[in-house]
Amino acid sequence: MAKIIPFRTRPPADRPDRCETCRYWESRADGEYPEHKDTGDCHRFPPRMTADIEFSESIDETTGAFAGFFPETQCWEWCGEWAPQEKGE
């Protein structure tokens, strides 16, 4: 039987193809959230537009424009779109 890992619990960093080593991942610790060292945003694809009520403050009511958001991931997560970081990244 497969081991179930509780959501947001960091497993051992034994996967080389995890978010923190991906060229598309940007850590939030590098910007305005230094306390979120394990959290980042995936920039593999364009931001996703939302009209979710949770993000209603991001809707410009004068123009009807919506804000886009990149998927938030934890540094130990992984997916099938991983690409190695280039030197200097």
N, C-alpha and C. Protein backbone atom coordinates (compact mmCIF):
# COMPACT_ATOMS: atom_id res chain seq x y z
N MET A 1 0.84 -1.18 0.00
CA MET A 1 0.00 0.00 0.00
C MET A 1 0.89 1.25 0.00
N ALA A 2 0.50 2.25 -0.76
CA ALA A 2 1.27 3.49 -0.85
C ALA A 2 1.18 4.28 0.45
N LYS A 3 2.28 4.94 0.77
CA LYS A 3 2.31 5.78 1.97
C LYS A 3 1.59 7.09 1.67
N ILE A 4 0.68 7.48 2.53
CA ILE A 4 -0.06 8.74 2.36
C ILE A 4 0.68 9.84 3.12
N ILE A 5 1.05 10.91 2.40
CA ILE A 5 1.74 12.05 2.99
C ILE A 5 0.72 13.15 3.22
N PRO A 6 0.56 13.61 4.46
CA PRO A 6 -0.41 14.69 4.72
C PRO A 6 -0.12 15.91 3.86
N PHE A 7 -1.17 16.59 3.43
CA PHE A 7 -1.04 17.78 2.61
C PHE A 7 -0.15 18.82 3.29
N ARG A 8 0.76 19.40 2.52
CA ARG A 8 1.69 20.45 2.98
C ARG A 8 2.72 19.95 3.99
N THR A 9 2.97 18.65 4.02
CA THR A 9 4.03 18.12 4.85
C THR A 9 5.22 17.84 3.95
N ARG A 10 6.36 18.34 4.30
CA ARG A 10 7.52 18.23 3.43
C ARG A 10 8.16 16.84 3.50
N PRO A 11 8.16 16.11 2.38
CA PRO A 11 8.84 14.82 2.34
C PRO A 11 10.34 15.03 2.12
N PRO A 12 11.14 14.01 2.22
CA PRO A 12 12.57 14.17 1.97
C PRO A 12 12.83 14.70 0.55
N ALA A 13 13.84 15.53 0.42
CA ALA A 13 14.15 16.15 -0.88
C ALA A 13 15.02 15.20 -1.71
N ASP A 14 14.46 14.02 -2.03
CA ASP A 14 15.23 13.06 -2.79
C ASP A 14 14.89 13.07 -4.28
N ARG A 15 13.95 13.88 -4.69
CA ARG A 15 13.62 14.01 -6.11
C ARG A 15 14.42 15.16 -6.70
N PRO A 16 15.18 14.91 -7.72
CA PRO A 16 15.91 16.03 -8.36
C PRO A 16 14.99 16.91 -9.18
N ASP A 17 13.83 16.40 -9.56
CA ASP A 17 12.91 17.16 -10.42
C ASP A 17 11.77 17.78 -9.64
N ARG A 18 12.09 18.47 -8.58
CA ARG A 18 11.08 19.13 -7.75
C ARG A 18 11.03 20.63 -8.09
N CYS A 19 9.99 21.29 -7.61
CA CYS A 19 9.77 22.70 -7.96
C CYS A 19 10.98 23.59 -7.69
N GLU A 20 11.61 23.46 -6.53
CA GLU A 20 12.70 24.38 -6.19
C GLU A 20 13.91 24.26 -7.11
N THR A 21 14.00 23.20 -7.90
CA THR A 21 15.11 23.07 -8.85
C THR A 21 14.67 23.33 -10.29
N CYS A 22 13.42 23.75 -10.47
CA CYS A 22 12.86 23.96 -11.80
C CYS A 22 13.09 25.40 -12.27
N ARG A 23 13.35 25.56 -13.53
CA ARG A 23 13.58 26.90 -14.09
C ARG A 23 12.33 27.76 -14.08
N TYR A 24 11.16 27.16 -14.00
CA TYR A 24 9.90 27.91 -14.04
C TYR A 24 9.39 28.34 -12.67
N TRP A 25 10.05 27.91 -11.61
CA TRP A 25 9.56 28.18 -10.25
C TRP A 25 10.25 29.40 -9.66
N GLU A 26 9.46 30.27 -9.03
CA GLU A 26 10.00 31.46 -8.38
C GLU A 26 9.60 31.44 -6.91
N SER A 27 10.60 31.39 -6.04
CA SER A 27 10.34 31.36 -4.60
C SER A 27 9.76 32.69 -4.13
N ARG A 28 8.82 32.60 -3.22
CA ARG A 28 8.26 33.83 -2.65
C ARG A 28 9.20 34.44 -1.63
N ALA A 29 10.16 33.68 -1.14
CA ALA A 29 11.13 34.21 -0.18
C ALA A 29 12.03 35.26 -0.83
N ASP A 30 12.12 35.26 -2.16
CA ASP A 30 12.95 36.23 -2.87
C ASP A 30 12.29 37.60 -2.97
N GLY A 31 11.01 37.69 -2.68
CA GLY A 31 10.28 38.94 -2.85
C GLY A 31 9.70 39.47 -1.57
N GLU A 32 8.40 39.69 -1.60
CA GLU A 32 7.73 40.33 -0.47
C GLU A 32 7.35 39.39 0.65
N TYR A 33 7.61 38.09 0.52
CA TYR A 33 7.24 37.13 1.55
C TYR A 33 8.45 36.33 2.03
N PRO A 34 9.43 36.95 2.69
CA PRO A 34 10.65 36.23 3.07
C PRO A 34 10.41 35.06 4.02
N GLU A 35 9.30 35.09 4.75
CA GLU A 35 8.99 34.01 5.68
C GLU A 35 8.45 32.77 4.97
N HIS A 36 8.11 32.88 3.70
CA HIS A 36 7.56 31.76 2.93
C HIS A 36 8.63 31.09 2.08
N LYS A 37 9.70 30.64 2.71
CA LYS A 37 10.83 30.08 1.95
C LYS A 37 10.49 28.80 1.19
N ASP A 38 9.48 28.07 1.61
CA ASP A 38 9.10 26.83 0.93
C ASP A 38 7.99 27.01 -0.09
N THR A 39 7.49 28.23 -0.25
CA THR A 39 6.36 28.50 -1.13
C THR A 39 6.83 29.32 -2.33
N GLY A 40 6.25 29.02 -3.48
CA GLY A 40 6.61 29.77 -4.68
C GLY A 40 5.51 29.70 -5.72
N ASP A 41 5.79 30.30 -6.86
CA ASP A 41 4.83 30.34 -7.96
C ASP A 41 5.42 29.66 -9.19
N CYS A 42 4.59 28.87 -9.87
CA CYS A 42 5.01 28.20 -11.10
C CYS A 42 4.70 29.11 -12.28
N HIS A 43 5.74 29.42 -13.06
CA HIS A 43 5.59 30.30 -14.22
C HIS A 43 5.72 29.53 -15.52
N ARG A 44 5.40 28.25 -15.50
CA ARG A 44 5.49 27.42 -16.71
C ARG A 44 4.48 27.88 -17.76
N PHE A 45 3.30 28.26 -17.31
CA PHE A 45 2.25 28.71 -18.21
C PHE A 45 1.79 30.11 -17.81
N PRO A 46 1.05 30.81 -18.67
CA PRO A 46 0.57 32.15 -18.32
C PRO A 46 -0.28 32.11 -17.06
N PRO A 47 -0.43 33.25 -16.39
CA PRO A 47 -1.27 33.29 -15.20
C PRO A 47 -2.71 32.91 -15.52
N ARG A 48 -3.36 32.33 -14.53
CA ARG A 48 -4.76 31.95 -14.69
C ARG A 48 -5.65 33.10 -14.23
N MET A 49 -6.63 33.41 -15.04
CA MET A 49 -7.55 34.48 -14.70
C MET A 49 -8.60 33.93 -13.74
N THR A 50 -9.04 34.77 -12.83
CA THR A 50 -10.04 34.31 -11.86
C THR A 50 -11.13 35.35 -11.67
N ALA A 51 -12.31 34.84 -11.40
CA ALA A 51 -13.44 35.68 -11.02
C ALA A 51 -13.96 35.19 -9.68
N ASP A 52 -13.13 34.42 -9.00
CA ASP A 52 -13.48 33.85 -7.70
C ASP A 52 -13.74 34.96 -6.70
N ILE A 53 -14.78 34.81 -5.92
CA ILE A 53 -15.13 35.83 -4.92
C ILE A 53 -14.02 36.05 -3.91
N GLU A 54 -13.21 35.02 -3.67
CA GLU A 54 -12.10 35.14 -2.73
C GLU A 54 -11.11 36.21 -3.20
N PHE A 55 -11.00 36.38 -4.51
CA PHE A 55 -10.06 37.35 -5.06
C PHE A 55 -10.77 38.59 -5.59
N SER A 56 -11.94 38.90 -5.03
CA SER A 56 -12.74 40.01 -5.55
C SER A 56 -12.01 41.35 -5.48
N GLU A 57 -11.07 41.50 -4.54
CA GLU A 57 -10.33 42.77 -4.46
C GLU A 57 -9.41 42.96 -5.66
N SER A 58 -9.15 41.90 -6.41
CA SER A 58 -8.27 42.01 -7.58
C SER A 58 -9.04 42.37 -8.85
N ILE A 59 -10.35 42.48 -8.76
CA ILE A 59 -11.16 42.83 -9.92
C ILE A 59 -11.29 44.35 -9.99
N ASP A 60 -10.94 44.91 -11.11
CA ASP A 60 -11.06 46.35 -11.31
C ASP A 60 -12.50 46.64 -11.71
N GLU A 61 -13.29 47.18 -10.80
CA GLU A 61 -14.71 47.38 -11.04
C GLU A 61 -14.99 48.46 -12.08
N THR A 62 -14.04 49.34 -12.35
CA THR A 62 -14.29 50.39 -13.34
C THR A 62 -14.12 49.86 -14.76
N THR A 63 -13.26 48.89 -14.96
CA THR A 63 -13.02 48.36 -16.30
C THR A 63 -13.55 46.94 -16.47
N GLY A 64 -13.81 46.24 -15.36
CA GLY A 64 -14.26 44.86 -15.45
C GLY A 64 -13.10 43.90 -15.66
N ALA A 65 -11.87 44.39 -15.53
CA ALA A 65 -10.71 43.54 -15.76
C ALA A 65 -10.49 42.60 -14.57
N PHE A 66 -9.94 41.45 -14.84
CA PHE A 66 -9.64 40.48 -13.80
C PHE A 66 -8.13 40.36 -13.64
N ALA A 67 -7.70 39.92 -12.48
CA ALA A 67 -6.27 39.72 -12.24
C ALA A 67 -5.93 38.26 -12.50
N GLY A 68 -4.69 38.02 -12.89
CA GLY A 68 -4.22 36.66 -13.12
C GLY A 68 -3.33 36.21 -11.99
N PHE A 69 -3.31 34.91 -11.76
CA PHE A 69 -2.51 34.33 -10.69
C PHE A 69 -1.75 33.12 -11.21
N PHE A 70 -0.49 33.01 -10.79
CA PHE A 70 0.29 31.82 -11.10
C PHE A 70 0.00 30.77 -10.03
N PRO A 71 0.01 29.49 -10.39
CA PRO A 71 -0.25 28.45 -9.40
C PRO A 71 0.80 28.49 -8.29
N GLU A 72 0.34 28.41 -7.05
CA GLU A 72 1.24 28.38 -5.90
C GLU A 72 1.60 26.93 -5.60
N THR A 73 2.88 26.68 -5.40
CA THR A 73 3.33 25.33 -5.06
C THR A 73 4.32 25.39 -3.91
N GLN A 74 4.57 24.24 -3.33
CA GLN A 74 5.60 24.10 -2.31
C GLN A 74 6.88 23.63 -3.00
N CYS A 75 8.03 23.96 -2.45
CA CYS A 75 9.31 23.68 -3.11
C CYS A 75 9.55 22.19 -3.35
N TRP A 76 8.94 21.31 -2.57
CA TRP A 76 9.18 19.87 -2.71
C TRP A 76 8.22 19.19 -3.69
N GLU A 77 7.24 19.91 -4.19
CA GLU A 77 6.29 19.32 -5.12
C GLU A 77 6.95 19.12 -6.48
N TRP A 78 6.30 18.40 -7.36
CA TRP A 78 6.85 18.14 -8.69
C TRP A 78 5.71 17.92 -9.68
N CYS A 79 6.02 18.01 -10.97
CA CYS A 79 5.04 17.74 -12.02
C CYS A 79 5.77 17.23 -13.26
N GLY A 80 5.05 17.00 -14.31
CA GLY A 80 5.65 16.49 -15.54
C GLY A 80 6.22 17.57 -16.45
N GLU A 81 6.18 18.83 -16.04
CA GLU A 81 6.67 19.94 -16.86
C GLU A 81 8.04 20.46 -16.41
N TRP A 82 8.67 19.81 -15.46
CA TRP A 82 9.93 20.26 -14.88
C TRP A 82 11.01 20.44 -15.95
N ALA A 83 11.80 21.49 -15.80
CA ALA A 83 12.95 21.75 -16.67
C ALA A 83 14.09 22.25 -15.79
N PRO A 84 15.32 21.81 -16.05
CA PRO A 84 16.44 22.23 -15.19
C PRO A 84 16.70 23.73 -15.30
N GLN A 85 17.16 24.29 -14.19
CA GLN A 85 17.53 25.70 -14.20
C GLN A 85 18.78 25.90 -15.05
N GLU A 86 18.82 27.01 -15.76
CA GLU A 86 20.01 27.33 -16.54
C GLU A 86 21.02 27.98 -15.61
N LYS A 87 22.27 27.95 -15.98
CA LYS A 87 23.32 28.57 -15.15
C LYS A 87 23.00 30.04 -14.96
N GLY A 88 23.13 30.50 -13.72
CA GLY A 88 22.85 31.89 -13.40
C GLY A 88 21.43 32.15 -12.96
N GLU A 89 20.57 31.15 -13.03
CA GLU A 89 19.18 31.34 -12.60
C GLU A 89 19.08 31.10 -11.11
